[in-house]
Amino acid sequence: MAFSAASSAGPKCDMNVVPLIDVLLVLLIIFMVTAPLLSFEVQIDLPQPSRNQPENPKEPPKPIRLRIDAGGALYWDNLPLPKAALEPSLQIETIGKIAEDQPMLEIEASPDAEYQVLAEVLATAKNVGVAKIGFVDTL
C-alpha cells in the first residue's frame, strides 16, 4: 500500500488542541483532589424556640424639647426657662433612671444663637448625666 502526498494541497491550518486538552485534564485532577479538602463543617448555634412570650416593649418617655433662640434664651417645651434652672430641671428628669428610661433631650438651636450658649447647655446635660441628646433641625 502506498501513501501519496498531494503536493498541491499546501500547509494545514488546523489548530493543535492536544496541549490545551492536557492542561484542562491536569486542572480537572487538581480541582478534584483539593475540593474535598475545602469543605468543612461549621458549628452554628441556632436560636431555639421559647415557650415564654416576650415582654411588651415599654413606651419611651416623652422627649424634652429645649429651644435656644437667637438671643440665648432657653425654652423648655415652649415655656421660658432661666439658665440657672436648667441643671435642676434636668436632674429631676434623670435622677434615679437608667439610660433607657430617660427622656431624650431634643435641642433646637436657632441658627443665629451663640455657640457658647449651646456649649453650656451640652456641658450641663453631660454633667447631670443625660444619656440621650438629639438635635432638631430648625428649618
Protein backbone atom coordinates (compact mmCIF):
# COMPACT_ATOMS: atom_id res chain seq x y z
CA MET A 1 0.00 0.00 0.00
CA ALA A 2 1.42 3.26 -0.94
CA PHE A 3 0.75 6.63 0.51
CA SER A 4 0.65 9.52 -1.78
CA ALA A 5 1.11 13.07 -0.70
CA ALA A 6 -0.76 15.64 -2.58
CA SER A 7 1.78 18.22 -3.41
CA SER A 8 -0.82 20.74 -4.40
CA ALA A 9 -2.72 20.70 -1.06
CA GLY A 10 -0.48 23.22 0.79
CA PRO A 11 0.02 23.67 4.55
CA LYS A 12 -2.62 22.55 7.09
CA CYS A 13 -4.34 25.29 9.08
CA ASP A 14 -5.87 23.14 11.86
CA MET A 15 -5.17 24.17 15.44
CA ASN A 16 -3.38 21.65 17.63
CA VAL A 17 -5.72 21.18 20.67
CA VAL A 18 -3.79 18.36 22.34
CA PRO A 19 -1.77 20.69 24.66
CA LEU A 20 -4.99 22.50 25.62
CA ILE A 21 -6.69 19.20 26.50
CA ASP A 22 -3.65 18.17 28.57
CA VAL A 23 -3.79 21.40 30.59
CA LEU A 24 -7.53 21.04 31.16
CA LEU A 25 -7.16 17.46 32.38
CA VAL A 26 -4.41 18.48 34.81
CA LEU A 27 -6.59 21.30 36.18
CA LEU A 28 -9.54 18.91 36.49
CA ILE A 29 -7.44 16.49 38.55
CA ILE A 30 -6.15 19.31 40.78
CA PHE A 31 -9.70 20.52 41.48
CA MET A 32 -10.95 17.00 42.14
CA VAL A 33 -8.21 16.47 44.72
CA THR A 34 -8.49 19.84 46.50
CA ALA A 35 -12.31 20.27 46.51
CA PRO A 36 -13.00 17.73 49.29
CA LEU A 37 -10.33 19.36 51.45
CA LEU A 38 -12.03 22.77 51.25
CA SER A 39 -15.39 21.63 52.59
CA PHE A 40 -15.52 21.56 56.37
CA GLU A 41 -18.28 21.63 58.94
CA VAL A 42 -19.19 24.95 60.54
CA GLN A 43 -20.70 24.89 64.01
CA ILE A 44 -23.68 27.24 64.30
CA ASP A 45 -25.77 27.71 67.41
CA LEU A 46 -29.24 28.38 66.10
CA PRO A 47 -31.80 30.06 68.35
CA GLN A 48 -34.25 27.71 69.98
CA PRO A 49 -37.97 28.48 70.18
CA SER A 50 -39.03 29.90 73.50
CA ARG A 51 -42.20 28.99 75.34
CA ASN A 52 -42.28 32.30 77.21
CA GLN A 53 -43.84 35.23 75.45
CA PRO A 54 -41.56 38.28 75.13
CA GLU A 55 -42.46 41.28 77.23
CA ASN A 56 -44.24 44.12 75.52
CA PRO A 57 -41.81 46.96 74.92
CA LYS A 58 -42.44 50.00 77.07
CA GLU A 59 -43.38 53.29 75.52
CA PRO A 60 -40.41 55.67 75.56
CA PRO A 61 -40.92 58.75 77.72
CA LYS A 62 -41.97 61.97 76.06
CA PRO A 63 -38.88 63.86 74.85
CA ILE A 64 -37.83 67.17 76.39
CA ARG A 65 -37.78 69.91 73.77
CA LEU A 66 -35.20 72.57 74.69
CA ARG A 67 -35.14 75.55 72.34
CA ILE A 68 -32.39 78.17 72.22
CA ASP A 69 -33.40 81.37 70.44
CA ALA A 70 -31.15 83.94 68.78
CA GLY A 71 -30.83 85.97 71.99
CA GLY A 72 -29.62 82.96 74.01
CA ALA A 73 -32.90 82.47 75.95
CA LEU A 74 -33.92 78.90 76.81
CA TYR A 75 -37.40 77.43 76.34
CA TRP A 76 -38.33 74.10 77.99
CA ASP A 77 -41.25 72.65 75.97
CA ASN A 78 -42.05 76.19 74.74
CA LEU A 79 -42.05 77.61 78.27
CA PRO A 80 -39.34 80.15 79.20
CA LEU A 81 -36.63 78.69 81.41
CA PRO A 82 -33.89 80.68 83.20
CA LYS A 83 -30.36 79.38 82.62
CA ALA A 84 -29.96 78.79 86.36
CA ALA A 85 -32.98 76.45 86.36
CA LEU A 86 -31.65 74.21 83.56
CA GLU A 87 -29.50 71.98 85.75
CA PRO A 88 -32.17 71.29 88.43
CA SER A 89 -34.76 70.64 85.72
CA LEU A 90 -32.50 68.11 84.01
CA GLN A 91 -31.68 66.46 87.35
CA ILE A 92 -35.39 65.96 88.07
CA GLU A 93 -35.80 64.21 84.71
CA THR A 94 -32.73 61.95 85.05
CA ILE A 95 -32.39 61.21 88.78
CA GLY A 96 -32.61 57.52 89.57
CA LYS A 97 -33.33 56.49 85.96
CA ILE A 98 -31.27 54.24 83.76
CA ALA A 99 -30.41 55.39 80.25
CA GLU A 100 -33.33 53.53 78.63
CA ASP A 101 -35.88 55.19 80.93
CA GLN A 102 -34.57 58.73 80.49
CA PRO A 103 -36.36 61.04 78.10
CA MET A 104 -34.44 62.28 75.09
CA LEU A 105 -33.24 65.86 75.28
CA GLU A 106 -34.04 67.41 71.89
CA ILE A 107 -32.13 70.64 71.39
CA GLU A 108 -33.40 73.09 68.81
CA ALA A 109 -30.92 75.93 68.39
CA SER A 110 -31.58 78.98 66.29
CA PRO A 111 -29.02 79.48 63.52
CA ASP A 112 -28.31 82.92 64.99
CA ALA A 113 -27.74 81.62 68.54
CA GLU A 114 -24.26 81.92 70.02
CA TYR A 115 -22.24 78.75 70.19
CA GLN A 116 -21.27 79.49 73.80
CA VAL A 117 -24.88 79.08 74.97
CA LEU A 118 -25.20 75.73 73.17
CA ALA A 119 -21.86 74.57 74.63
CA GLU A 120 -23.03 75.47 78.15
CA VAL A 121 -26.31 73.56 77.67
CA LEU A 122 -24.44 70.49 76.40
CA ALA A 123 -21.94 70.65 79.28
CA THR A 124 -24.75 70.93 81.81
CA ALA A 125 -26.58 67.98 80.27
CA LYS A 126 -23.41 65.89 80.30
CA ASN A 127 -22.63 66.76 83.92
CA VAL A 128 -26.15 65.87 85.04
CA GLY A 129 -25.97 62.51 83.27
CA VAL A 130 -28.35 62.87 80.35
CA ALA A 131 -27.80 59.80 78.19
CA LYS A 132 -29.80 60.72 75.09
CA ILE A 133 -29.29 64.06 73.36
CA GLY A 134 -30.55 64.90 69.90
CA PHE A 135 -30.52 67.95 67.70
CA VAL A 136 -33.63 69.18 65.91
CA ASP A 137 -33.42 70.93 62.56
CA THR A 138 -34.87 74.43 62.66
CA LEU A 139 -35.97 74.57 59.02
